[in-house]
Amino acid sequence: PNKFEVDLNNGSGQFHHDGNYVGLFEIPQSKISGKAISDVVVKVTFSPDKWSAIGMTTEYYRGTLKFVIDGHANVQIPALGSYQFDAKFDDVIVNVNDPSKDDTHLCAC
C-alpha cells in the first residue's frame, strides 16, 4: 500500500493491437487514501475497424488476445507540499485472457 494520500488527475491512454490503435481509456480524477490499496474504475472505449475486431475476437477465443497500452496521469501528493509529477507509461502488455488467470504483474498485490 501507498504511505500517503495520492490524487490522480487528467489520466488517459490508448490501446493498441498488432500495432494499430483500437481504443482509449480515461482515468477519472481520484483520491487514493494513504495506507490503502485502491481500485479505480476506468472508462474504456474500443473502436477497432472491422478486420481488427474480427482478429481480436478470434484471439480472445483462442486465449491469446493481448493489448499494448500507453498512457499518462498527473499525480499529486498533498502530504509532500502538494508535490506533483506526470506519470507516464508506455508499451505495457496486457494479456486479456490469461489462461492461468494469475497474471498479476499490473497489480500491487
N, C-alpha and C. Protein backbone atom coordinates (compact mmCIF):
# COMPACT_ATOMS: atom_id res chain seq x y z
N PRO A 1 0.82 -1.20 0.00
CA PRO A 1 0.00 0.00 0.00
C PRO A 1 0.86 1.26 0.00
N ASN A 2 0.27 2.32 -0.52
CA ASN A 2 0.97 3.60 -0.53
C ASN A 2 0.98 4.18 0.88
N LYS A 3 1.97 5.00 1.19
CA LYS A 3 2.11 5.60 2.53
C LYS A 3 1.30 6.88 2.66
N PHE A 4 1.10 7.62 1.57
CA PHE A 4 0.43 8.91 1.60
C PHE A 4 -0.78 8.91 0.68
N GLU A 5 -1.70 9.85 0.95
CA GLU A 5 -2.80 10.06 0.02
C GLU A 5 -2.23 10.53 -1.31
N VAL A 6 -2.81 10.03 -2.39
CA VAL A 6 -2.37 10.39 -3.74
C VAL A 6 -3.60 10.85 -4.52
N ASP A 7 -3.47 11.97 -5.21
CA ASP A 7 -4.54 12.47 -6.07
C ASP A 7 -4.15 12.23 -7.52
N LEU A 8 -5.04 11.62 -8.29
CA LEU A 8 -4.83 11.39 -9.72
C LEU A 8 -5.68 12.37 -10.51
N ASN A 9 -5.09 12.98 -11.53
CA ASN A 9 -5.81 13.94 -12.36
C ASN A 9 -5.45 13.73 -13.83
N ASN A 10 -6.39 14.00 -14.71
CA ASN A 10 -6.16 14.03 -16.16
C ASN A 10 -5.48 12.78 -16.70
N GLY A 11 -5.93 11.62 -16.26
CA GLY A 11 -5.34 10.38 -16.74
C GLY A 11 -6.04 9.87 -17.99
N SER A 12 -5.24 9.39 -18.93
CA SER A 12 -5.81 8.82 -20.15
C SER A 12 -4.75 7.99 -20.85
N GLY A 13 -5.19 7.24 -21.84
CA GLY A 13 -4.26 6.44 -22.61
C GLY A 13 -4.93 5.76 -23.78
N GLN A 14 -4.15 4.94 -24.47
CA GLN A 14 -4.61 4.28 -25.69
C GLN A 14 -4.31 2.79 -25.64
N PHE A 15 -5.17 2.03 -26.32
CA PHE A 15 -4.96 0.61 -26.54
C PHE A 15 -4.49 0.40 -27.97
N HIS A 16 -3.51 -0.49 -28.15
CA HIS A 16 -3.06 -0.88 -29.48
C HIS A 16 -3.08 -2.40 -29.58
N HIS A 17 -3.39 -2.88 -30.77
CA HIS A 17 -3.39 -4.32 -31.03
C HIS A 17 -2.72 -4.52 -32.38
N ASP A 18 -1.71 -5.36 -32.42
CA ASP A 18 -0.93 -5.59 -33.65
C ASP A 18 -0.45 -4.27 -34.25
N GLY A 19 -0.07 -3.32 -33.39
CA GLY A 19 0.46 -2.04 -33.85
C GLY A 19 -0.59 -1.02 -34.27
N ASN A 20 -1.86 -1.38 -34.20
CA ASN A 20 -2.93 -0.48 -34.61
C ASN A 20 -3.70 0.06 -33.41
N TYR A 21 -4.07 1.33 -33.46
CA TYR A 21 -4.91 1.94 -32.43
C TYR A 21 -6.28 1.27 -32.45
N VAL A 22 -6.75 0.82 -31.29
CA VAL A 22 -8.08 0.20 -31.23
C VAL A 22 -8.97 0.79 -30.14
N GLY A 23 -8.45 1.69 -29.33
CA GLY A 23 -9.30 2.27 -28.31
C GLY A 23 -8.56 3.17 -27.35
N LEU A 24 -9.33 3.72 -26.43
CA LEU A 24 -8.76 4.64 -25.45
C LEU A 24 -9.35 4.37 -24.08
N PHE A 25 -8.70 4.92 -23.06
CA PHE A 25 -9.26 4.83 -21.71
C PHE A 25 -9.03 6.16 -21.01
N GLU A 26 -9.92 6.43 -20.06
CA GLU A 26 -9.83 7.64 -19.25
C GLU A 26 -9.82 7.24 -17.78
N ILE A 27 -8.86 7.80 -17.05
CA ILE A 27 -8.76 7.55 -15.62
C ILE A 27 -9.42 8.75 -14.93
N PRO A 28 -10.50 8.53 -14.19
CA PRO A 28 -11.19 9.66 -13.58
C PRO A 28 -10.36 10.30 -12.46
N GLN A 29 -10.64 11.56 -12.20
CA GLN A 29 -10.00 12.22 -11.08
C GLN A 29 -10.31 11.42 -9.83
N SER A 30 -9.27 11.06 -9.07
CA SER A 30 -9.46 10.15 -7.93
C SER A 30 -8.55 10.53 -6.78
N LYS A 31 -9.00 10.23 -5.58
CA LYS A 31 -8.17 10.32 -4.38
C LYS A 31 -7.95 8.90 -3.89
N ILE A 32 -6.71 8.54 -3.71
CA ILE A 32 -6.38 7.22 -3.17
C ILE A 32 -5.87 7.45 -1.76
N SER A 33 -6.57 6.93 -0.80
CA SER A 33 -6.24 7.14 0.61
C SER A 33 -4.88 6.55 0.96
N GLY A 34 -4.23 7.19 1.93
CA GLY A 34 -2.96 6.68 2.42
C GLY A 34 -3.16 5.34 3.08
N LYS A 35 -2.14 4.50 3.01
CA LYS A 35 -2.14 3.16 3.61
C LYS A 35 -3.29 2.31 3.12
N ALA A 36 -3.60 2.45 1.83
CA ALA A 36 -4.71 1.68 1.26
C ALA A 36 -4.33 1.18 -0.13
N ILE A 37 -4.89 0.06 -0.49
CA ILE A 37 -4.81 -0.41 -1.86
C ILE A 37 -6.16 -0.11 -2.47
N SER A 38 -6.18 0.61 -3.57
CA SER A 38 -7.44 1.08 -4.14
C SER A 38 -7.60 0.65 -5.58
N ASP A 39 -8.84 0.46 -5.96
CA ASP A 39 -9.20 0.22 -7.36
C ASP A 39 -9.88 1.47 -7.88
N VAL A 40 -9.61 1.78 -9.13
CA VAL A 40 -10.25 2.93 -9.78
C VAL A 40 -10.94 2.39 -11.03
N VAL A 41 -12.21 2.71 -11.19
CA VAL A 41 -12.93 2.28 -12.38
C VAL A 41 -12.51 3.18 -13.54
N VAL A 42 -12.05 2.57 -14.60
CA VAL A 42 -11.53 3.29 -15.76
C VAL A 42 -12.53 3.15 -16.91
N LYS A 43 -12.86 4.26 -17.54
CA LYS A 43 -13.77 4.23 -18.70
C LYS A 43 -12.96 3.85 -19.94
N VAL A 44 -13.42 2.80 -20.62
CA VAL A 44 -12.72 2.28 -21.80
C VAL A 44 -13.65 2.36 -23.01
N THR A 45 -13.11 2.82 -24.13
CA THR A 45 -13.86 2.88 -25.38
C THR A 45 -13.05 2.19 -26.46
N PHE A 46 -13.62 1.14 -27.05
CA PHE A 46 -12.95 0.45 -28.16
C PHE A 46 -13.60 0.87 -29.47
N SER A 47 -12.75 1.10 -30.48
CA SER A 47 -13.26 1.50 -31.79
C SER A 47 -12.41 0.90 -32.91
N PRO A 48 -12.20 -0.42 -32.89
CA PRO A 48 -11.39 -1.03 -33.95
C PRO A 48 -12.16 -1.05 -35.27
N ASP A 49 -11.40 -1.12 -36.37
CA ASP A 49 -12.09 -1.31 -37.65
C ASP A 49 -12.58 -2.77 -37.71
N LYS A 50 -13.35 -3.08 -38.73
CA LYS A 50 -13.99 -4.39 -38.85
C LYS A 50 -12.98 -5.54 -38.79
N TRP A 51 -11.88 -5.43 -39.52
CA TRP A 51 -10.92 -6.54 -39.58
C TRP A 51 -10.16 -6.70 -38.28
N SER A 52 -9.84 -5.58 -37.62
CA SER A 52 -9.19 -5.67 -36.31
C SER A 52 -10.12 -6.32 -35.30
N ALA A 53 -11.41 -5.97 -35.36
CA ALA A 53 -12.38 -6.55 -34.43
C ALA A 53 -12.48 -8.06 -34.62
N ILE A 54 -12.49 -8.49 -35.87
CA ILE A 54 -12.56 -9.94 -36.14
C ILE A 54 -11.30 -10.63 -35.62
N GLY A 55 -10.15 -10.02 -35.87
CA GLY A 55 -8.89 -10.60 -35.38
C GLY A 55 -8.83 -10.67 -33.86
N MET A 56 -9.29 -9.60 -33.20
CA MET A 56 -9.29 -9.58 -31.73
C MET A 56 -10.26 -10.62 -31.17
N THR A 57 -11.40 -10.79 -31.80
CA THR A 57 -12.38 -11.79 -31.35
C THR A 57 -11.79 -13.19 -31.47
N THR A 58 -11.13 -13.46 -32.59
CA THR A 58 -10.50 -14.76 -32.80
C THR A 58 -9.45 -15.02 -31.73
N GLU A 59 -8.60 -14.02 -31.48
CA GLU A 59 -7.56 -14.19 -30.46
C GLU A 59 -8.16 -14.38 -29.07
N TYR A 60 -9.23 -13.66 -28.79
CA TYR A 60 -9.89 -13.81 -27.49
C TYR A 60 -10.32 -15.26 -27.28
N TYR A 61 -11.01 -15.83 -28.27
CA TYR A 61 -11.49 -17.20 -28.12
C TYR A 61 -10.37 -18.23 -28.13
N ARG A 62 -9.23 -17.88 -28.70
CA ARG A 62 -8.06 -18.77 -28.66
C ARG A 62 -7.28 -18.61 -27.36
N GLY A 63 -7.60 -17.56 -26.61
CA GLY A 63 -6.89 -17.30 -25.35
C GLY A 63 -5.58 -16.57 -25.54
N THR A 64 -5.43 -15.87 -26.67
CA THR A 64 -4.14 -15.23 -26.97
C THR A 64 -4.25 -13.71 -27.14
N LEU A 65 -5.38 -13.10 -26.78
CA LEU A 65 -5.56 -11.67 -27.00
C LEU A 65 -4.70 -10.84 -26.05
N LYS A 66 -3.90 -9.96 -26.64
CA LYS A 66 -3.04 -9.05 -25.87
C LYS A 66 -3.17 -7.66 -26.44
N PHE A 67 -3.11 -6.68 -25.56
CA PHE A 67 -3.08 -5.28 -25.96
C PHE A 67 -1.79 -4.66 -25.47
N VAL A 68 -1.35 -3.62 -26.14
CA VAL A 68 -0.26 -2.78 -25.67
C VAL A 68 -0.90 -1.44 -25.31
N ILE A 69 -0.65 -0.97 -24.09
CA ILE A 69 -1.24 0.29 -23.68
C ILE A 69 -0.17 1.33 -23.38
N ASP A 70 -0.52 2.56 -23.65
CA ASP A 70 0.30 3.73 -23.33
C ASP A 70 -0.61 4.71 -22.61
N GLY A 71 -0.08 5.47 -21.68
CA GLY A 71 -0.92 6.44 -21.01
C GLY A 71 -0.14 7.35 -20.09
N HIS A 72 -0.89 8.22 -19.44
CA HIS A 72 -0.28 9.17 -18.51
C HIS A 72 -1.34 9.65 -17.52
N ALA A 73 -0.88 10.21 -16.42
CA ALA A 73 -1.76 10.83 -15.43
C ALA A 73 -0.91 11.82 -14.63
N ASN A 74 -1.55 12.86 -14.15
CA ASN A 74 -0.90 13.79 -13.23
C ASN A 74 -1.11 13.26 -11.83
N VAL A 75 -0.04 13.15 -11.06
CA VAL A 75 -0.10 12.62 -9.70
C VAL A 75 0.30 13.73 -8.75
N GLN A 76 -0.51 13.91 -7.70
CA GLN A 76 -0.22 14.93 -6.70
C GLN A 76 -0.23 14.28 -5.32
N ILE A 77 0.74 14.64 -4.48
CA ILE A 77 0.85 14.08 -3.14
C ILE A 77 0.72 15.23 -2.14
N PRO A 78 -0.48 15.45 -1.60
CA PRO A 78 -0.71 16.59 -0.71
C PRO A 78 0.21 16.62 0.51
N ALA A 79 0.54 15.46 1.10
CA ALA A 79 1.38 15.42 2.30
C ALA A 79 2.81 15.89 2.05
N LEU A 80 3.21 15.95 0.80
CA LEU A 80 4.56 16.40 0.45
C LEU A 80 4.51 17.80 -0.16
N GLY A 81 3.69 18.65 0.45
CA GLY A 81 3.59 20.03 -0.04
C GLY A 81 2.92 20.10 -1.41
N SER A 82 2.00 19.20 -1.67
CA SER A 82 1.30 19.09 -2.96
C SER A 82 2.28 18.84 -4.12
N TYR A 83 3.34 18.11 -3.82
CA TYR A 83 4.29 17.72 -4.87
C TYR A 83 3.52 17.01 -5.97
N GLN A 84 3.83 17.36 -7.22
CA GLN A 84 3.14 16.70 -8.33
C GLN A 84 4.11 16.35 -9.45
N PHE A 85 3.73 15.35 -10.20
CA PHE A 85 4.53 14.93 -11.35
C PHE A 85 3.61 14.25 -12.35
N ASP A 86 4.07 14.15 -13.57
CA ASP A 86 3.34 13.44 -14.61
C ASP A 86 3.87 12.03 -14.69
N ALA A 87 3.00 11.07 -14.44
CA ALA A 87 3.37 9.66 -14.55
C ALA A 87 3.03 9.21 -15.96
N LYS A 88 3.99 8.59 -16.62
CA LYS A 88 3.79 8.14 -17.99
C LYS A 88 4.17 6.67 -18.07
N PHE A 89 3.38 5.90 -18.82
CA PHE A 89 3.73 4.51 -19.04
C PHE A 89 3.53 4.19 -20.52
N ASP A 90 4.47 3.45 -21.06
CA ASP A 90 4.47 3.10 -22.49
C ASP A 90 4.70 1.60 -22.65
N ASP A 91 4.09 1.07 -23.69
CA ASP A 91 4.34 -0.32 -24.09
C ASP A 91 4.10 -1.34 -22.98
N VAL A 92 3.02 -1.15 -22.22
CA VAL A 92 2.64 -2.12 -21.20
C VAL A 92 1.78 -3.19 -21.87
N ILE A 93 2.20 -4.43 -21.76
CA ILE A 93 1.46 -5.53 -22.39
C ILE A 93 0.42 -6.07 -21.42
N VAL A 94 -0.82 -6.13 -21.88
CA VAL A 94 -1.92 -6.67 -21.07
C VAL A 94 -2.43 -7.94 -21.75
N ASN A 95 -2.27 -9.06 -21.06
CA ASN A 95 -2.77 -10.35 -21.55
C ASN A 95 -4.23 -10.45 -21.11
N VAL A 96 -5.15 -10.15 -22.02
CA VAL A 96 -6.56 -10.02 -21.69
C VAL A 96 -7.14 -11.28 -21.08
N ASN A 97 -6.87 -12.41 -21.65
CA ASN A 97 -7.45 -13.65 -21.13
C ASN A 97 -6.36 -14.65 -20.80
N ASP A 98 -5.56 -14.28 -19.82
CA ASP A 98 -4.51 -15.15 -19.32
C ASP A 98 -5.13 -16.49 -18.93
N PRO A 99 -4.75 -17.58 -19.62
CA PRO A 99 -5.39 -18.87 -19.36
C PRO A 99 -5.23 -19.36 -17.92
N SER A 100 -4.15 -18.98 -17.26
CA SER A 100 -3.96 -19.44 -15.88
C SER A 100 -4.63 -18.49 -14.89
N LYS A 101 -5.13 -17.36 -15.37
CA LYS A 101 -5.82 -16.36 -14.54
C LYS A 101 -4.98 -15.89 -13.36
N ASP A 102 -3.65 -15.88 -13.54
CA ASP A 102 -2.80 -15.43 -12.43
C ASP A 102 -1.80 -14.36 -12.86
N ASP A 103 -2.09 -13.66 -13.95
CA ASP A 103 -1.21 -12.56 -14.39
C ASP A 103 -1.47 -11.36 -13.50
N THR A 104 -0.60 -11.15 -12.55
CA THR A 104 -0.76 -10.04 -11.60
C THR A 104 0.36 -9.01 -11.73
N HIS A 105 1.04 -8.96 -12.87
CA HIS A 105 2.18 -8.04 -13.00
C HIS A 105 1.74 -6.58 -12.95
N LEU A 106 0.45 -6.28 -13.17
CA LEU A 106 -0.03 -4.90 -13.08
C LEU A 106 -0.65 -4.62 -11.72
N CYS A 107 -0.61 -5.57 -10.82
CA CYS A 107 -1.27 -5.45 -9.52
C CYS A 107 -0.24 -5.26 -8.42
N ALA A 108 -0.57 -4.44 -7.44
CA ALA A 108 0.29 -4.26 -6.28
C ALA A 108 -0.15 -5.20 -5.17
N CYS A 109 -0.44 -6.46 -5.52
CA CYS A 109 -0.94 -7.42 -4.53
C CYS A 109 0.21 -8.03 -3.76
